[in-house]
Amino acid sequence: MDQVQEITEGLTAAILQSSEYIRYQEARQEIARYPILKKRADEFRKRNYDLQSSNADIFREADELRQEYAYITQNAIVWEYLDSESALCRVLQRVSWKIMEKLNFDLGFGDR
């Protein structure tokens, strides 16, 4: 196994042991016990992802999305699932950004 693969395996093991990952797995298992809540939470997640990937007025659209799904996101089980997922995603983003930063990876797209 080459060095990059070995280090990747070590990083993956560290993430699997992180408090963020453990919290996310616990929240995922808890919400799985409530299929209707899980379905609604996943609808919210998909709409939120689509919004962030679009060219829409993100602030107005995000506010509308929050209002539309307020009834579901106020549920403690759903909130823990969404919040723990977000925390894990931030860990993964920091790792990715750190790697790209150290590699001097150009993320620019010309003059855009």
PDB file of N, CA and C in Angstrom:
ATOM      1  N   MET A   1       0.848  -1.171   0.000  1.00  0.00           N
ATOM      2  CA  MET A   1       0.000   0.000   0.000  1.00  0.00           C
ATOM      3  C   MET A   1       0.900   1.243   0.000  1.00  0.00           C
ATOM      4  N   ASP A   2       0.577   2.192  -0.845  1.00  0.00           N
ATOM      5  CA  ASP A   2       1.419   3.386  -0.881  1.00  0.00           C
ATOM      6  C   ASP A   2       1.097   4.324   0.282  1.00  0.00           C
ATOM      7  N   GLN A   3       1.927   5.312   0.478  1.00  0.00           N
ATOM      8  CA  GLN A   3       1.832   6.204   1.636  1.00  0.00           C
ATOM      9  C   GLN A   3       0.502   6.955   1.684  1.00  0.00           C
ATOM     10  N   VAL A   4       0.024   7.444   0.554  1.00  0.00           N
ATOM     11  CA  VAL A   4      -1.232   8.191   0.537  1.00  0.00           C
ATOM     12  C   VAL A   4      -2.391   7.292   0.972  1.00  0.00           C
ATOM     13  N   GLN A   5      -2.411   6.069   0.493  1.00  0.00           N
ATOM     14  CA  GLN A   5      -3.476   5.142   0.886  1.00  0.00           C
ATOM     15  C   GLN A   5      -3.404   4.824   2.376  1.00  0.00           C
ATOM     16  N   GLU A   6      -2.206   4.628   2.875  1.00  0.00           N
ATOM     17  CA  GLU A   6      -2.048   4.329   4.308  1.00  0.00           C
ATOM     18  C   GLU A   6      -2.540   5.482   5.172  1.00  0.00           C
ATOM     19  N   ILE A   7      -2.169   6.683   4.791  1.00  0.00           N
ATOM     20  CA  ILE A   7      -2.580   7.857   5.561  1.00  0.00           C
ATOM     21  C   ILE A   7      -4.087   8.069   5.440  1.00  0.00           C
ATOM     22  N   THR A   8      -4.634   7.801   4.268  1.00  0.00           N
ATOM     23  CA  THR A   8      -6.084   7.900   4.073  1.00  0.00           C
ATOM     24  C   THR A   8      -6.814   6.928   4.985  1.00  0.00           C
ATOM     25  N   GLU A   9      -6.287   5.727   5.095  1.00  0.00           N
ATOM     26  CA  GLU A   9      -6.889   4.743   6.004  1.00  0.00           C
ATOM     27  C   GLU A   9      -6.835   5.238   7.449  1.00  0.00           C
ATOM     28  N   GLY A  10      -5.710   5.840   7.831  1.00  0.00           N
ATOM     29  CA  GLY A  10      -5.581   6.379   9.185  1.00  0.00           C
ATOM     30  C   GLY A  10      -6.533   7.536   9.430  1.00  0.00           C
ATOM     31  N   LEU A  11      -6.671   8.422   8.450  1.00  0.00           N
ATOM     32  CA  LEU A  11      -7.592   9.552   8.566  1.00  0.00           C
ATOM     33  C   LEU A  11      -9.032   9.053   8.678  1.00  0.00           C
ATOM     34  N   THR A  12      -9.373   8.076   7.869  1.00  0.00           N
ATOM     35  CA  THR A  12     -10.719   7.496   7.927  1.00  0.00           C
ATOM     36  C   THR A  12     -10.984   6.884   9.300  1.00  0.00           C
ATOM     37  N   ALA A  13     -10.015   6.167   9.831  1.00  0.00           N
ATOM     38  CA  ALA A  13     -10.163   5.574  11.161  1.00  0.00           C
ATOM     39  C   ALA A  13     -10.361   6.660  12.221  1.00  0.00           C
ATOM     40  N   ALA A  14      -9.622   7.759  12.100  1.00  0.00           N
ATOM     41  CA  ALA A  14      -9.748   8.859  13.057  1.00  0.00           C
ATOM     42  C   ALA A  14     -11.138   9.494  12.972  1.00  0.00           C
ATOM     43  N   ILE A  15     -11.638   9.673  11.772  1.00  0.00           N
ATOM     44  CA  ILE A  15     -12.972  10.252  11.597  1.00  0.00           C
ATOM     45  C   ILE A  15     -14.022   9.318  12.189  1.00  0.00           C
ATOM     46  N   LEU A  16     -13.868   8.013  11.957  1.00  0.00           N
ATOM     47  CA  LEU A  16     -14.821   7.036  12.499  1.00  0.00           C
ATOM     48  C   LEU A  16     -14.860   7.053  14.025  1.00  0.00           C
ATOM     49  N   GLN A  17     -13.782   7.482  14.647  1.00  0.00           N
ATOM     50  CA  GLN A  17     -13.705   7.541  16.112  1.00  0.00           C
ATOM     51  C   GLN A  17     -14.028   8.930  16.662  1.00  0.00           C
ATOM     52  N   SER A  18     -14.245   9.898  15.779  1.00  0.00           N
ATOM     53  CA  SER A  18     -14.493  11.272  16.226  1.00  0.00           C
ATOM     54  C   SER A  18     -15.857  11.404  16.888  1.00  0.00           C
ATOM     55  N   SER A  19     -15.959  12.371  17.774  1.00  0.00           N
ATOM     56  CA  SER A  19     -17.233  12.613  18.462  1.00  0.00           C
ATOM     57  C   SER A  19     -18.320  13.020  17.467  1.00  0.00           C
ATOM     58  N   GLU A  20     -17.938  13.735  16.416  1.00  0.00           N
ATOM     59  CA  GLU A  20     -18.918  14.160  15.414  1.00  0.00           C
ATOM     60  C   GLU A  20     -19.514  12.959  14.676  1.00  0.00           C
ATOM     61  N   TYR A  21     -18.649  12.027  14.303  1.00  0.00           N
ATOM     62  CA  TYR A  21     -19.132  10.846  13.586  1.00  0.00           C
ATOM     63  C   TYR A  21     -19.998   9.974  14.495  1.00  0.00           C
ATOM     64  N   ILE A  22     -19.554   9.781  15.724  1.00  0.00           N
ATOM     65  CA  ILE A  22     -20.313   8.954  16.672  1.00  0.00           C
ATOM     66  C   ILE A  22     -21.675   9.588  16.937  1.00  0.00           C
ATOM     67  N   ARG A  23     -21.685  10.894  17.134  1.00  0.00           N
ATOM     68  CA  ARG A  23     -22.953  11.606  17.362  1.00  0.00           C
ATOM     69  C   ARG A  23     -23.876  11.455  16.157  1.00  0.00           C
ATOM     70  N   TYR A  24     -23.329  11.611  14.954  1.00  0.00           N
ATOM     71  CA  TYR A  24     -24.136  11.470  13.743  1.00  0.00           C
ATOM     72  C   TYR A  24     -24.734  10.069  13.633  1.00  0.00           C
ATOM     73  N   GLN A  25     -23.933   9.046  13.898  1.00  0.00           N
ATOM     74  CA  GLN A  25     -24.426   7.668  13.809  1.00  0.00           C
ATOM     75  C   GLN A  25     -25.537   7.417  14.831  1.00  0.00           C
ATOM     76  N   GLU A  26     -25.371   7.949  16.013  1.00  0.00           N
ATOM     77  CA  GLU A  26     -26.412   7.794  17.039  1.00  0.00           C
ATOM     78  C   GLU A  26     -27.708   8.482  16.610  1.00  0.00           C
ATOM     79  N   ALA A  27     -27.578   9.685  16.077  1.00  0.00           N
ATOM     80  CA  ALA A  27     -28.759  10.428  15.620  1.00  0.00           C
ATOM     81  C   ALA A  27     -29.412   9.727  14.433  1.00  0.00           C
ATOM     82  N   ARG A  28     -28.590   9.191  13.558  1.00  0.00           N
ATOM     83  CA  ARG A  28     -29.114   8.458  12.398  1.00  0.00           C
ATOM     84  C   ARG A  28     -29.886   7.217  12.828  1.00  0.00           C
ATOM     85  N   GLN A  29     -29.356   6.508  13.796  1.00  0.00           N
ATOM     86  CA  GLN A  29     -30.053   5.322  14.307  1.00  0.00           C
ATOM     87  C   GLN A  29     -31.358   5.705  14.998  1.00  0.00           C
ATOM     88  N   GLU A  30     -31.334   6.807  15.736  1.00  0.00           N
ATOM     89  CA  GLU A  30     -32.543   7.246  16.447  1.00  0.00           C
ATOM     90  C   GLU A  30     -33.640   7.646  15.462  1.00  0.00           C
ATOM     91  N   ILE A  31     -33.305   8.443  14.470  1.00  0.00           N
ATOM     92  CA  ILE A  31     -34.343   8.904  13.537  1.00  0.00           C
ATOM     93  C   ILE A  31     -34.860   7.745  12.674  1.00  0.00           C
ATOM     94  N   ALA A  32     -34.041   6.736  12.465  1.00  0.00           N
ATOM     95  CA  ALA A  32     -34.474   5.569  11.686  1.00  0.00           C
ATOM     96  C   ALA A  32     -35.639   4.842  12.364  1.00  0.00           C
ATOM     97  N   ARG A  33     -35.784   5.039  13.656  1.00  0.00           N
ATOM     98  CA  ARG A  33     -36.891   4.423  14.398  1.00  0.00           C
ATOM     99  C   ARG A  33     -38.224   5.097  14.086  1.00  0.00           C
ATOM    100  N   TYR A  34     -38.172   6.251  13.401  1.00  0.00           N
ATOM    101  CA  TYR A  34     -39.364   7.030  13.076  1.00  0.00           C
ATOM    102  C   TYR A  34     -39.377   7.317  11.575  1.00  0.00           C
ATOM    103  N   PRO A  35     -39.832   6.362  10.774  1.00  0.00           N
ATOM    104  CA  PRO A  35     -39.747   6.482   9.314  1.00  0.00           C
ATOM    105  C   PRO A  35     -40.384   7.751   8.735  1.00  0.00           C
ATOM    106  N   ILE A  36     -41.480   8.197   9.308  1.00  0.00           N
ATOM    107  CA  ILE A  36     -42.128   9.401   8.773  1.00  0.00           C
ATOM    108  C   ILE A  36     -41.267  10.628   9.050  1.00  0.00           C
ATOM    109  N   LEU A  37     -40.715  10.731  10.255  1.00  0.00           N
ATOM    110  CA  LEU A  37     -39.798  11.842  10.562  1.00  0.00           C
ATOM    111  C   LEU A  37     -38.579  11.802   9.649  1.00  0.00           C
ATOM    112  N   LYS A  38     -38.043  10.612   9.450  1.00  0.00           N
ATOM    113  CA  LYS A  38     -36.855  10.454   8.583  1.00  0.00           C
ATOM    114  C   LYS A  38     -37.167  10.916   7.175  1.00  0.00           C
ATOM    115  N   LYS A  39     -38.335  10.525   6.675  1.00  0.00           N
ATOM    116  CA  LYS A  39     -38.722  10.926   5.320  1.00  0.00           C
ATOM    117  C   LYS A  39     -38.829  12.443   5.212  1.00  0.00           C
ATOM    118  N   ARG A  40     -39.461  13.073   6.182  1.00  0.00           N
ATOM    119  CA  ARG A  40     -39.603  14.540   6.162  1.00  0.00           C
ATOM    120  C   ARG A  40     -38.239  15.228   6.296  1.00  0.00           C
ATOM    121  N   ALA A  41     -37.401  14.701   7.180  1.00  0.00           N
ATOM    122  CA  ALA A  41     -36.056  15.269   7.345  1.00  0.00           C
ATOM    123  C   ALA A  41     -35.263  15.145   6.050  1.00  0.00           C
ATOM    124  N   ASP A  42     -35.384  14.018   5.378  1.00  0.00           N
ATOM    125  CA  ASP A  42     -34.671  13.821   4.116  1.00  0.00           C
ATOM    126  C   ASP A  42     -35.204  14.733   3.013  1.00  0.00           C
ATOM    127  N   GLU A  43     -36.504  14.996   3.029  1.00  0.00           N
ATOM    128  CA  GLU A  43     -37.075  15.951   2.067  1.00  0.00           C
ATOM    129  C   GLU A  43     -36.469  17.335   2.302  1.00  0.00           C
ATOM    130  N   PHE A  44     -36.392  17.728   3.574  1.00  0.00           N
ATOM    131  CA  PHE A  44     -35.786  19.009   3.920  1.00  0.00           C
ATOM    132  C   PHE A  44     -34.327  19.051   3.475  1.00  0.00           C
ATOM    133  N   ARG A  45     -33.579  17.985   3.758  1.00  0.00           N
ATOM    134  CA  ARG A  45     -32.165  17.918   3.388  1.00  0.00           C
ATOM    135  C   ARG A  45     -31.991  18.054   1.881  1.00  0.00           C
ATOM    136  N   LYS A  46     -32.830  17.366   1.119  1.00  0.00           N
ATOM    137  CA  LYS A  46     -32.724  17.425  -0.344  1.00  0.00           C
ATOM    138  C   LYS A  46     -33.042  18.826  -0.858  1.00  0.00           C
ATOM    139  N   ARG A  47     -34.119  19.416  -0.349  1.00  0.00           N
ATOM    140  CA  ARG A  47     -34.479  20.765  -0.780  1.00  0.00           C
ATOM    141  C   ARG A  47     -33.393  21.763  -0.406  1.00  0.00           C
ATOM    142  N   ASN A  48     -32.818  21.604   0.777  1.00  0.00           N
ATOM    143  CA  ASN A  48     -31.748  22.487   1.221  1.00  0.00           C
ATOM    144  C   ASN A  48     -30.515  22.330   0.326  1.00  0.00           C
ATOM    145  N   TYR A  49     -30.157  21.095   0.013  1.00  0.00           N
ATOM    146  CA  TYR A  49     -29.017  20.844  -0.875  1.00  0.00           C
ATOM    147  C   TYR A  49     -29.268  21.438  -2.256  1.00  0.00           C
ATOM    148  N   ASP A  50     -30.451  21.199  -2.798  1.00  0.00           N
ATOM    149  CA  ASP A  50     -30.789  21.743  -4.115  1.00  0.00           C
ATOM    150  C   ASP A  50     -30.711  23.257  -4.114  1.00  0.00           C
ATOM    151  N   LEU A  51     -31.173  23.871  -3.038  1.00  0.00           N
ATOM    152  CA  LEU A  51     -31.132  25.325  -2.914  1.00  0.00           C
ATOM    153  C   LEU A  51     -29.692  25.829  -2.932  1.00  0.00           C
ATOM    154  N   GLN A  52     -28.829  25.178  -2.165  1.00  0.00           N
ATOM    155  CA  GLN A  52     -27.436  25.607  -2.090  1.00  0.00           C
ATOM    156  C   GLN A  52     -26.703  25.391  -3.409  1.00  0.00           C
ATOM    157  N   SER A  53     -27.202  24.492  -4.234  1.00  0.00           N
ATOM    158  CA  SER A  53     -26.570  24.195  -5.511  1.00  0.00           C
ATOM    159  C   SER A  53     -27.173  25.001  -6.658  1.00  0.00           C
ATOM    160  N   SER A  54     -28.141  25.851  -6.354  1.00  0.00           N
ATOM    161  CA  SER A  54     -28.833  26.596  -7.404  1.00  0.00           C
ATOM    162  C   SER A  54     -28.317  28.028  -7.493  1.00  0.00           C
ATOM    163  N   ASN A  55     -28.856  28.742  -8.461  1.00  0.00           N
ATOM    164  CA  ASN A  55     -28.519  30.159  -8.631  1.00  0.00           C
ATOM    165  C   ASN A  55     -29.608  31.054  -8.045  1.00  0.00           C
ATOM    166  N   ALA A  56     -30.459  30.488  -7.216  1.00  0.00           N
ATOM    167  CA  ALA A  56     -31.581  31.232  -6.652  1.00  0.00           C
ATOM    168  C   ALA A  56     -31.100  32.247  -5.625  1.00  0.00           C
ATOM    169  N   ASP A  57     -31.996  33.129  -5.245  1.00  0.00           N
ATOM    170  CA  ASP A  57     -31.741  34.076  -4.154  1.00  0.00           C
ATOM    171  C   ASP A  57     -31.722  33.252  -2.872  1.00  0.00           C
ATOM    172  N   ILE A  58     -30.543  32.837  -2.470  1.00  0.00           N
ATOM    173  CA  ILE A  58     -30.398  31.848  -1.403  1.00  0.00           C
ATOM    174  C   ILE A  58     -30.973  32.317  -0.068  1.00  0.00           C
ATOM    175  N   PHE A  59     -30.873  33.591   0.243  1.00  0.00           N
ATOM    176  CA  PHE A  59     -31.369  34.074   1.535  1.00  0.00           C
ATOM    177  C   PHE A  59     -32.893  34.030   1.592  1.00  0.00           C
ATOM    178  N   ARG A  60     -33.522  34.495   0.546  1.00  0.00           N
ATOM    179  CA  ARG A  60     -34.986  34.476   0.510  1.00  0.00           C
ATOM    180  C   ARG A  60     -35.492  33.041   0.464  1.00  0.00           C
ATOM    181  N   GLU A  61     -34.892  32.233  -0.399  1.00  0.00           N
ATOM    182  CA  GLU A  61     -35.310  30.841  -0.556  1.00  0.00           C
ATOM    183  C   GLU A  61     -35.067  30.037   0.729  1.00  0.00           C
ATOM    184  N   ALA A  62     -33.942  30.281   1.386  1.00  0.00           N
ATOM    185  CA  ALA A  62     -33.632  29.563   2.624  1.00  0.00           C
ATOM    186  C   ALA A  62     -34.642  29.927   3.713  1.00  0.00           C
ATOM    187  N   ASP A  63     -35.020  31.194   3.763  1.00  0.00           N
ATOM    188  CA  ASP A  63     -36.019  31.617   4.742  1.00  0.00           C
ATOM    189  C   ASP A  63     -37.350  30.930   4.471  1.00  0.00           C
ATOM    190  N   GLU A  64     -37.744  30.860   3.216  1.00  0.00           N
ATOM    191  CA  GLU A  64     -38.987  30.182   2.849  1.00  0.00           C
ATOM    192  C   GLU A  64     -38.912  28.691   3.200  1.00  0.00           C
ATOM    193  N   LEU A  65     -37.769  28.089   2.945  1.00  0.00           N
ATOM    194  CA  LEU A  65     -37.588  26.665   3.256  1.00  0.00           C
ATOM    195  C   LEU A  65     -37.694  26.434   4.759  1.00  0.00           C
ATOM    196  N   ARG A  66     -37.051  27.271   5.551  1.00  0.00           N
ATOM    197  CA  ARG A  66     -37.126  27.142   7.011  1.00  0.00           C
ATOM    198  C   ARG A  66     -38.566  27.287   7.512  1.00  0.00           C
ATOM    199  N   GLN A  67     -39.295  28.235   6.923  1.00  0.00           N
ATOM    200  CA  GLN A  67     -40.686  28.421   7.331  1.00  0.00           C
ATOM    201  C   GLN A  67     -41.534  27.215   6.944  1.00  0.00           C
ATOM    202  N   GLU A  68     -41.314  26.712   5.746  1.00  0.00           N
ATOM    203  CA  GLU A  68     -42.094  25.574   5.258  1.00  0.00           C
ATOM    204  C   GLU A  68     -41.865  24.325   6.113  1.00  0.00           C
ATOM    205  N   TYR A  69     -40.631  24.132   6.571  1.00  0.00           N
ATOM    206  CA  TYR A  69     -40.291  22.931   7.327  1.00  0.00           C
ATOM    207  C   TYR A  69     -40.127  23.191   8.823  1.00  0.00           C
ATOM    208  N   ALA A  70     -40.608  24.327   9.304  1.00  0.00           N
ATOM    209  CA  ALA A  70     -40.453  24.662  10.728  1.00  0.00           C
ATOM    210  C   ALA A  70     -41.060  23.588  11.621  1.00  0.00           C
ATOM    211  N   TYR A  71     -42.179  23.049  11.212  1.00  0.00           N
ATOM    212  CA  TYR A  71     -42.848  22.034  12.035  1.00  0.00           C
ATOM    213  C   TYR A  71     -41.983  20.793  12.226  1.00  0.00           C
ATOM    214  N   ILE A  72     -41.166  20.464  11.260  1.00  0.00           N
ATOM    215  CA  ILE A  72     -40.349  19.248  11.354  1.00  0.00           C
ATOM    216  C   ILE A  72     -38.999  19.536  12.003  1.00  0.00           C
ATOM    217  N   THR A  73     -38.415  20.688  11.711  1.00  0.00           N
ATOM    218  CA  THR A  73     -37.091  20.982  12.256  1.00  0.00           C
ATOM    219  C   THR A  73     -37.146  21.346  13.737  1.00  0.00           C
ATOM    220  N   GLN A  74     -38.332  21.598  14.258  1.00  0.00           N
ATOM    221  CA  GLN A  74     -38.466  21.870  15.686  1.00  0.00           C
ATOM    222  C   GLN A  74     -38.547  20.593  16.510  1.00  0.00           C
ATOM    223  N   ASN A  75     -38.661  19.468  15.844  1.00  0.00           N
ATOM    224  CA  ASN A  75     -38.663  18.178  16.525  1.00  0.00           C
ATOM    225  C   ASN A  75     -37.241  17.876  16.989  1.00  0.00           C
ATOM    226  N   ALA A  76     -37.073  17.496  18.255  1.00  0.00           N
ATOM    227  CA  ALA A  76     -35.742  17.279  18.831  1.00  0.00           C
ATOM    228  C   ALA A  76     -34.967  16.164  18.117  1.00  0.00           C
ATOM    229  N   ILE A  77     -35.631  15.119  17.713  1.00  0.00           N
ATOM    230  CA  ILE A  77     -34.958  14.001  17.030  1.00  0.00           C
ATOM    231  C   ILE A  77     -34.464  14.453  15.654  1.00  0.00           C
ATOM    232  N   VAL A  78     -35.324  15.160  14.942  1.00  0.00           N
ATOM    233  CA  VAL A  78     -34.949  15.667  13.615  1.00  0.00           C
ATOM    234  C   VAL A  78     -33.821  16.678  13.748  1.00  0.00           C
ATOM    235  N   TRP A  79     -33.948  17.584  14.703  1.00  0.00           N
ATOM    236  CA  TRP A  79     -32.924  18.612  14.877  1.00  0.00           C
ATOM    237  C   TRP A  79     -31.560  17.992  15.181  1.00  0.00           C
ATOM    238  N   GLU A  80     -31.534  16.992  16.047  1.00  0.00           N
ATOM    239  CA  GLU A  80     -30.268  16.338  16.384  1.00  0.00           C
ATOM    240  C   GLU A  80     -29.672  15.658  15.151  1.00  0.00           C
ATOM    241  N   TYR A  81     -30.508  15.040  14.356  1.00  0.00           N
ATOM    242  CA  TYR A  81     -30.054  14.396  13.115  1.00  0.00           C
ATOM    243  C   TYR A  81     -29.445  15.427  12.169  1.00  0.00           C
ATOM    244  N   LEU A  82     -30.163  16.509  11.934  1.00  0.00           N
ATOM    245  CA  LEU A  82     -29.674  17.542  11.011  1.00  0.00           C
ATOM    246  C   LEU A  82     -28.431  18.242  11.553  1.00  0.00           C
ATOM    247  N   ASP A  83     -28.439  18.541  12.841  1.00  0.00           N
ATOM    248  CA  ASP A  83     -27.309  19.248  13.445  1.00  0.00           C
ATOM    249  C   ASP A  83     -26.059  18.374  13.483  1.00  0.00           C
ATOM    250  N   SER A  84     -26.226  17.101  13.808  1.00  0.00           N
ATOM    251  CA  SER A  84     -25.065  16.200  13.851  1.00  0.00           C
ATOM    252  C   SER A  84     -24.517  15.946  12.448  1.00  0.00           C
ATOM    253  N   GLU A  85     -25.398  15.877  11.467  1.00  0.00           N
ATOM    254  CA  GLU A  85     -24.942  15.732  10.083  1.00  0.00           C
ATOM    255  C   GLU A  85     -24.137  16.957   9.658  1.00  0.00           C
ATOM    256  N   SER A  86     -24.627  18.122  10.012  1.00  0.00           N
ATOM    257  CA  SER A  86     -23.936  19.361   9.687  1.00  0.00           C
ATOM    258  C   SER A  86     -22.558  19.421  10.351  1.00  0.00           C
ATOM    259  N   ALA A  87     -22.476  18.999  11.609  1.00  0.00           N
ATOM    260  CA  ALA A  87     -21.193  18.994  12.324  1.00  0.00           C
ATOM    261  C   ALA A  87     -20.196  18.051  11.653  1.00  0.00           C
ATOM    262  N   LEU A  88     -20.653  16.876  11.247  1.00  0.00           N
ATOM    263  CA  LEU A  88     -19.773  15.935  10.561  1.00  0.00           C
ATOM    264  C   LEU A  88     -19.338  16.499   9.212  1.00  0.00           C
ATOM    265  N   CYS A  89     -20.247  17.116   8.502  1.00  0.00           N
ATOM    266  CA  CYS A  89     -19.892  17.723   7.210  1.00  0.00           C
ATOM    267  C   CYS A  89     -18.836  18.810   7.378  1.00  0.00           C
ATOM    268  N   ARG A  90     -18.930  19.593   8.457  1.00  0.00           N
ATOM    269  CA  ARG A  90     -17.916  20.631   8.708  1.00  0.00           C
ATOM    270  C   ARG A  90     -16.540  20.010   8.938  1.00  0.00           C
ATOM    271  N   VAL A  91     -16.492  18.876   9.636  1.00  0.00           N
ATOM    272  CA  VAL A  91     -15.215  18.169   9.831  1.00  0.00           C
ATOM    273  C   VAL A  91     -14.647  17.767   8.469  1.00  0.00           C
ATOM    274  N   LEU A  92     -15.473  17.166   7.644  1.00  0.00           N
ATOM    275  CA  LEU A  92     -15.021  16.705   6.333  1.00  0.00           C
ATOM    276  C   LEU A  92     -14.602  17.878   5.446  1.00  0.00           C
ATOM    277  N   GLN A  93     -15.326  18.988   5.528  1.00  0.00           N
ATOM    278  CA  GLN A  93     -14.958  20.177   4.756  1.00  0.00           C
ATOM    279  C   GLN A  93     -13.612  20.735   5.200  1.00  0.00           C
ATOM    280  N   ARG A  94     -13.397  20.795   6.520  1.00  0.00           N
ATOM    281  CA  ARG A  94     -12.111  21.309   7.030  1.00  0.00           C
ATOM    282  C   ARG A  94     -10.957  20.439   6.553  1.00  0.00           C
ATOM    283  N   VAL A  95     -11.137  19.140   6.571  1.00  0.00           N
ATOM    284  CA  VAL A  95     -10.090  18.228   6.099  1.00  0.00           C
ATOM    285  C   VAL A  95      -9.813  18.491   4.617  1.00  0.00           C
ATOM    286  N   SER A  96     -10.872  18.550   3.828  1.00  0.00           N
ATOM    287  CA  SER A  96     -10.705  18.777   2.386  1.00  0.00           C
ATOM    288  C   SER A  96     -10.028  20.105   2.096  1.00  0.00           C
ATOM    289  N   TRP A  97     -10.488  21.164   2.773  1.00  0.00           N
ATOM    290  CA  TRP A  97      -9.903  22.481   2.545  1.00  0.00           C
ATOM    291  C   TRP A  97      -8.440  22.529   2.969  1.00  0.00           C
ATOM    292  N   LYS A  98      -8.115  21.888   4.077  1.00  0.00           N
ATOM    293  CA  LYS A  98      -6.733  21.882   4.545  1.00  0.00           C
ATOM    294  C   LYS A  98      -5.827  21.195   3.527  1.00  0.00           C
ATOM    295  N   ILE A  99      -6.295  20.085   2.995  1.00  0.00           N
ATOM    296  CA  ILE A  99      -5.504  19.365   1.991  1.00  0.00           C
ATOM    297  C   ILE A  99      -5.322  20.230   0.754  1.00  0.00           C
ATOM    298  N   MET A 100      -6.405  20.823   0.259  1.00  0.00           N
ATOM    299  CA  MET A 100      -6.300  21.655  -0.948  1.00  0.00           C
ATOM    300  C   MET A 100      -5.427  22.874  -0.706  1.00  0.00           C
ATOM    301  N   GLU A 101      -5.529  23.449   0.482  1.00  0.00           N
ATOM    302  CA  GLU A 101      -4.722  24.614   0.824  1.00  0.00           C
ATOM    303  C   GLU A 101      -3.232  24.263   0.819  1.00  0.00           C
ATOM    304  N   LYS A 102      -2.888  23.158   1.456  1.00  0.00           N
ATOM    305  CA  LYS A 102      -1.482  22.761   1.540  1.00  0.00           C
ATOM    306  C   LYS A 102      -0.922  22.351   0.177  1.00  0.00           C
ATOM    307  N   LEU A 103      -1.789  21.856  -0.693  1.00  0.00           N
ATOM    308  CA  LEU A 103      -1.350  21.465  -2.031  1.00  0.00           C
ATOM    309  C   LEU A 103      -1.311  22.643  -2.993  1.00  0.00           C
ATOM    310  N   ASN A 104      -1.735  23.820  -2.498  1.00  0.00           N
ATOM    311  CA  ASN A 104      -1.810  24.995  -3.350  1.00  0.00           C
ATOM    312  C   ASN A 104      -2.690  24.697  -4.565  1.00  0.00           C
ATOM    313  N   PHE A 105      -3.804  24.048  -4.299  1.00  0.00           N
ATOM    314  CA  PHE A 105      -4.747  23.642  -5.330  1.00  0.00           C
ATOM    315  C   PHE A 105      -5.588  24.840  -5.746  1.00  0.00           C
ATOM    316  N   ASP A 106      -5.582  25.161  -7.024  1.00  0.00           N
ATOM    317  CA  ASP A 106      -6.295  26.336  -7.526  1.00  0.00           C
ATOM    318  C   ASP A 106      -7.782  26.018  -7.666  1.00  0.00           C
ATOM    319  N   LEU A 107      -8.581  26.656  -6.814  1.00  0.00           N
ATOM    320  CA  LEU A 107     -10.024  26.463  -6.869  1.00  0.00           C
ATOM    321  C   LEU A 107     -10.717  27.560  -7.666  1.00  0.00           C
ATOM    322  N   GLY A 108      -9.952  28.483  -8.195  1.00  0.00           N
ATOM    323  CA  GLY A 108     -10.531  29.573  -8.962  1.00  0.00           C
ATOM    324  C   GLY A 108     -11.014  29.128 -10.328  1.00  0.00           C
ATOM    325  N   PHE A 109     -11.909  29.903 -10.866  1.00  0.00           N
ATOM    326  CA  PHE A 109     -12.442  29.606 -12.194  1.00  0.00           C
ATOM    327  C   PHE A 109     -12.254  30.832 -13.079  1.00  0.00           C
ATOM    328  N   GLY A 110     -11.035  31.239 -13.208  1.00  0.00           N
ATOM    329  CA  GLY A 110     -10.746  32.390 -14.040  1.00  0.00           C
ATOM    330  C   GLY A 110     -11.256  33.653 -13.416  1.00  0.00           C
ATOM    331  N   ASP A 111     -12.039  34.414 -14.183  1.00  0.00           N
ATOM    332  CA  ASP A 111     -12.516  35.709 -13.701  1.00  0.00           C
ATOM    333  C   ASP A 111     -13.883  35.634 -13.029  1.00  0.00           C
ATOM    334  N   ARG A 112     -14.392  34.447 -12.762  1.00  0.00           N
ATOM    335  CA  ARG A 112     -15.688  34.332 -12.086  1.00  0.00           C
ATOM    336  C   ARG A 112     -15.527  34.456 -10.604  1.00  0.00           C
TER     337      ARG A 112
END
